[in-house]
Amino acid sequence: MDVNSILNGIRENKFYYSRDILNRMISFSANDELEFKKFWDNLVHDNYVEKFTCRKRRIAKFHAHKTIELIADNTVQTSKLYNNISGGMTRYYKYAEDHFLNNRIFQDLLKLNVEIGKKYLGVESLIISCQIFRITPNEDGSKTPVTIGLHKDETHLIGLHFINSLNILGGVSKIFDNDKKYIENSEIVFSEFLESIYIDDTKTFHETTPIFRNNLAHDSFRDVLIFAMEFKK
């Protein structure tokens, strides 16, 4: 029933948001959550955007057909049409660590996203690009970009799951239709573990407003996990 709620929401509104639906669909303990969040402490600096923002990242890719298989590909490619910062080139990133990929919460999220992606897109085979992000706000308190502004990920369906944040302000996610008109009720500030949004990337643009430190004397970050799902014709 919960999967159908997500599917119907995307079909009706081009996106679906819930604060707690994944917490009902995936079983884990408080300690499981704590251990999962620690993986974001071992991400690698993203040199491709160092003049634009402070982002750490790892990636993983999968092919989902009858089974879900890991793909040995650590590249990301986007066009300059939607990414004027690092688009138009092949970017190489560190792969997700084995103990992250084998983590039960991650495996449950992967399987759930595959199910949602196949049913929403009406296909039997998917390519899934998993992006593991941390944005660290500037130490001087100035605003730090989270995304490159209004953009597309150049995929078919996006599942974005909030993981954690500390000592930040800002970071409002917004969704727009293909005419770049704001979609009602799509302005979201994430705060809860596995708070999630699914976006039809073929029908929308999206952005997240910059973040900044609430208290300059303390550490600060914003962590998310993204599944970009597409089918190959």
Protein backbone atom coordinates (compact mmCIF):
# COMPACT_ATOMS: atom_id res chain seq x y z
CA MET A 1 0.00 0.00 0.00
CA ASP A 2 2.81 2.43 0.83
CA VAL A 3 4.52 1.79 -2.53
CA ASN A 4 1.21 2.52 -4.28
CA SER A 5 0.91 5.77 -2.32
CA ILE A 6 4.32 6.83 -3.60
CA LEU A 7 3.52 5.82 -7.19
CA ASN A 8 0.16 7.59 -7.19
CA GLY A 9 1.69 10.71 -5.70
CA ILE A 10 4.35 10.95 -8.42
CA ARG A 11 1.78 10.34 -11.15
CA GLU A 12 -0.59 12.98 -9.83
CA ASN A 13 1.90 15.69 -8.82
CA LYS A 14 5.17 14.86 -10.64
CA PHE A 15 6.68 14.30 -7.18
CA TYR A 16 5.93 12.59 -3.89
CA TYR A 17 7.12 13.68 -0.45
CA SER A 18 6.83 12.04 2.95
CA ARG A 19 8.46 12.70 6.30
CA ASP A 20 8.08 9.15 7.59
CA ILE A 21 6.83 6.66 4.99
CA LEU A 22 10.23 4.97 4.59
CA ASN A 23 10.52 4.62 8.34
CA ARG A 24 7.37 2.48 8.14
CA MET A 25 8.63 0.47 5.18
CA ILE A 26 12.17 -0.26 6.41
CA SER A 27 12.93 -1.83 9.79
CA PHE A 28 15.97 -0.66 11.75
CA SER A 29 17.03 0.12 15.30
CA ALA A 30 18.34 3.39 16.72
CA ASN A 31 21.82 1.89 16.69
CA ASP A 32 21.40 0.82 13.03
CA GLU A 33 20.54 4.42 12.17
CA LEU A 34 23.53 5.78 14.09
CA GLU A 35 25.96 3.36 12.40
CA PHE A 36 24.54 4.10 8.95
CA LYS A 37 25.00 7.86 9.40
CA LYS A 38 28.69 7.33 10.18
CA PHE A 39 29.40 6.35 6.57
CA TRP A 40 29.05 10.02 5.59
CA ASP A 41 32.11 10.83 7.71
CA ASN A 42 34.29 8.98 5.20
CA LEU A 43 33.32 10.64 1.93
CA VAL A 44 35.89 12.14 -0.44
CA HIS A 45 36.24 15.79 -1.44
CA ASP A 46 34.65 16.61 -4.81
CA ASN A 47 37.37 18.53 -6.65
CA TYR A 48 35.14 19.25 -9.63
CA VAL A 49 33.09 21.79 -7.67
CA GLU A 50 35.70 23.11 -5.23
CA LYS A 51 35.39 26.67 -6.60
CA PHE A 52 31.62 26.52 -6.25
CA THR A 53 30.87 24.69 -3.00
CA CYS A 54 32.36 22.31 -0.42
CA ARG A 55 31.01 18.87 -1.29
CA LYS A 56 32.15 15.37 -0.38
CA ARG A 57 30.93 12.40 -2.33
CA ARG A 58 31.09 8.72 -3.22
CA ILE A 59 29.10 6.88 -5.86
CA ALA A 60 27.85 3.41 -6.80
CA LYS A 61 26.01 2.09 -9.85
CA PHE A 62 23.75 -0.90 -10.31
CA HIS A 63 21.90 -2.75 -13.04
CA ALA A 64 18.58 -4.10 -11.84
CA HIS A 65 16.83 -6.75 -13.93
CA LYS A 66 15.96 -10.10 -12.38
CA THR A 67 18.70 -9.43 -9.83
CA ILE A 68 20.53 -6.28 -8.74
CA GLU A 69 24.14 -6.28 -9.88
CA LEU A 70 26.90 -3.82 -9.05
CA ILE A 71 28.41 -2.00 -12.06
CA ALA A 72 32.14 -1.26 -12.06
CA ASP A 73 31.76 2.33 -13.25
CA ASN A 74 32.89 5.32 -11.18
CA THR A 75 32.06 8.02 -13.74
CA VAL A 76 29.39 10.73 -13.85
CA GLN A 77 28.44 12.60 -17.02
CA THR A 78 26.02 15.49 -17.37
CA SER A 79 25.57 18.04 -20.12
CA LYS A 80 26.33 21.75 -19.89
CA LEU A 81 22.65 22.38 -20.63
CA TYR A 82 21.71 21.67 -17.00
CA ASN A 83 25.12 21.87 -15.31
CA ASN A 84 27.33 24.82 -16.20
CA ILE A 85 29.73 24.08 -13.32
CA SER A 86 30.98 20.57 -14.10
CA GLY A 87 28.85 19.44 -17.04
CA GLY A 88 30.22 18.53 -20.43
CA MET A 89 32.99 16.31 -19.07
CA THR A 90 33.50 12.84 -17.65
CA ARG A 91 33.99 13.05 -13.89
CA TYR A 92 35.59 10.29 -11.83
CA TYR A 93 34.67 9.63 -8.19
CA LYS A 94 35.65 7.25 -5.43
CA TYR A 95 33.36 4.25 -5.23
CA ALA A 96 31.23 3.52 -2.19
CA GLU A 97 32.94 1.26 0.32
CA ASP A 98 31.99 -2.40 0.51
CA HIS A 99 30.73 -2.20 4.08
CA PHE A 100 28.39 0.63 3.02
CA LEU A 101 27.08 -1.32 0.02
CA ASN A 102 26.49 -4.36 2.23
CA ASN A 103 24.80 -2.39 5.01
CA ARG A 104 21.27 -3.62 5.62
CA ILE A 105 19.66 -0.16 5.56
CA PHE A 106 21.34 0.62 2.26
CA GLN A 107 20.34 -2.74 0.79
CA ASP A 108 16.72 -2.21 1.87
CA LEU A 109 16.71 1.29 0.36
CA LEU A 110 18.22 0.01 -2.88
CA LYS A 111 15.63 -2.78 -3.23
CA LEU A 112 12.79 -0.39 -2.42
CA ASN A 113 13.96 2.17 -4.97
CA VAL A 114 14.31 -0.54 -7.61
CA GLU A 115 10.73 -1.65 -6.94
CA ILE A 116 9.42 1.91 -7.13
CA GLY A 117 11.47 2.73 -10.22
CA LYS A 118 10.39 -0.36 -12.16
CA LYS A 119 6.72 0.10 -11.31
CA TYR A 120 6.63 3.84 -11.97
CA LEU A 121 8.55 3.67 -15.24
CA GLY A 122 6.85 0.45 -16.34
CA VAL A 123 10.09 -1.38 -17.13
CA GLU A 124 11.83 -4.61 -16.13
CA SER A 125 15.39 -3.27 -16.27
CA LEU A 126 16.91 -0.20 -14.61
CA ILE A 127 20.26 1.52 -14.28
CA ILE A 128 20.60 3.05 -10.80
CA SER A 129 23.20 5.68 -9.98
CA CYS A 130 23.64 6.09 -6.23
CA GLN A 131 25.07 9.44 -5.10
CA ILE A 132 26.26 9.82 -1.49
CA PHE A 133 26.63 13.51 -0.65
CA ARG A 134 27.78 15.76 2.17
CA ILE A 135 27.74 19.57 1.89
CA THR A 136 29.80 21.46 4.47
CA PRO A 137 28.92 25.15 4.90
CA ASN A 138 31.62 27.80 4.72
CA GLU A 139 33.39 28.42 8.03
CA ASP A 140 32.92 32.20 7.76
CA GLY A 141 29.14 31.86 7.88
CA SER A 142 28.55 32.82 4.24
CA LYS A 143 25.98 30.92 2.22
CA THR A 144 27.16 27.69 0.62
CA PRO A 145 25.42 26.32 -2.52
CA VAL A 146 23.84 22.88 -2.25
CA THR A 147 22.89 22.48 -5.91
CA ILE A 148 23.83 24.32 -9.11
CA GLY A 149 20.51 26.17 -9.01
CA LEU A 150 17.43 25.13 -10.94
CA HIS A 151 18.39 21.98 -12.84
CA LYS A 152 17.64 18.43 -13.95
CA ASP A 153 19.68 15.35 -13.07
CA GLU A 154 19.18 14.09 -16.65
CA THR A 155 17.62 10.82 -15.54
CA HIS A 156 14.05 9.48 -15.36
CA LEU A 157 13.21 9.18 -11.65
CA ILE A 158 15.00 10.48 -8.55
CA GLY A 159 14.68 9.16 -5.01
CA LEU A 160 16.24 11.58 -2.51
CA HIS A 161 16.59 10.48 1.09
CA PHE A 162 17.67 12.81 3.86
CA ILE A 163 20.26 11.28 6.18
CA ASN A 164 21.46 13.87 8.67
CA SER A 165 22.38 17.50 9.28
CA LEU A 166 24.10 19.52 11.96
CA ASN A 167 24.09 23.22 12.76
CA ILE A 168 22.65 24.49 9.47
CA LEU A 169 20.11 26.99 8.28
CA GLY A 170 18.63 27.16 4.79
CA GLY A 171 18.55 24.17 2.46
CA VAL A 172 15.00 24.53 1.17
CA SER A 173 14.22 22.07 -1.63
CA LYS A 174 11.81 23.24 -4.34
CA ILE A 175 10.34 21.64 -7.45
CA PHE A 176 9.22 23.30 -10.69
CA ASP A 177 7.49 22.00 -13.81
CA ASN A 178 9.16 21.97 -17.22
CA ASP A 179 8.02 25.55 -17.78
CA LYS A 180 9.95 26.39 -14.60
CA LYS A 181 6.74 27.23 -12.76
CA TYR A 182 6.82 26.41 -9.04
CA ILE A 183 4.76 23.32 -8.14
CA GLU A 184 2.49 23.96 -5.16
CA ASN A 185 3.44 22.36 -1.83
CA SER A 186 6.90 21.30 -3.04
CA GLU A 187 8.90 23.57 -0.70
CA ILE A 188 10.58 21.26 1.82
CA VAL A 189 13.18 21.56 4.56
CA PHE A 190 14.43 18.11 5.51
CA SER A 191 15.14 17.29 9.13
CA GLU A 192 14.26 13.63 9.81
CA PHE A 193 16.24 10.48 8.99
CA LEU A 194 14.94 8.96 5.72
CA GLU A 195 12.59 11.85 5.08
CA SER A 196 12.17 11.35 1.34
CA ILE A 197 11.08 12.83 -1.95
CA TYR A 198 10.58 11.14 -5.33
CA ILE A 199 10.77 13.35 -8.42
CA ASP A 200 9.95 12.63 -12.06
CA ASP A 201 13.03 14.22 -13.61
CA THR A 202 11.53 14.17 -17.11
CA LYS A 203 8.68 16.47 -16.03
CA THR A 204 10.39 18.79 -13.54
CA PHE A 205 13.30 20.95 -12.51
CA HIS A 206 14.47 21.12 -8.90
CA GLU A 207 16.80 23.08 -6.68
CA THR A 208 17.89 23.43 -3.06
CA THR A 209 18.65 26.85 -1.62
CA PRO A 210 22.11 27.50 -0.09
CA ILE A 211 22.90 26.53 3.49
CA PHE A 212 24.97 28.31 6.14
CA ARG A 213 26.18 27.67 9.66
CA ASN A 214 23.85 28.53 12.48
CA ASN A 215 26.76 28.76 14.94
CA LEU A 216 30.23 29.51 13.54
CA ALA A 217 31.94 27.85 16.50
CA HIS A 218 30.57 24.37 15.72
CA ASP A 219 30.82 21.76 12.96
CA SER A 220 28.17 21.84 10.28
CA PHE A 221 26.99 19.58 7.44
CA ARG A 222 24.04 18.31 5.39
CA ASP A 223 23.97 14.64 4.28
CA VAL A 224 21.74 13.05 1.64
CA LEU A 225 21.52 9.83 -0.34
CA ILE A 226 20.20 9.94 -3.93
CA PHE A 227 19.08 7.14 -6.23
CA ALA A 228 18.87 8.26 -9.88
CA MET A 229 16.93 5.69 -11.88
CA GLU A 230 16.75 5.37 -15.66
CA PHE A 231 15.90 2.77 -18.25
CA LYS A 232 17.79 2.11 -21.43
CA LYS A 233 15.72 1.87 -24.61
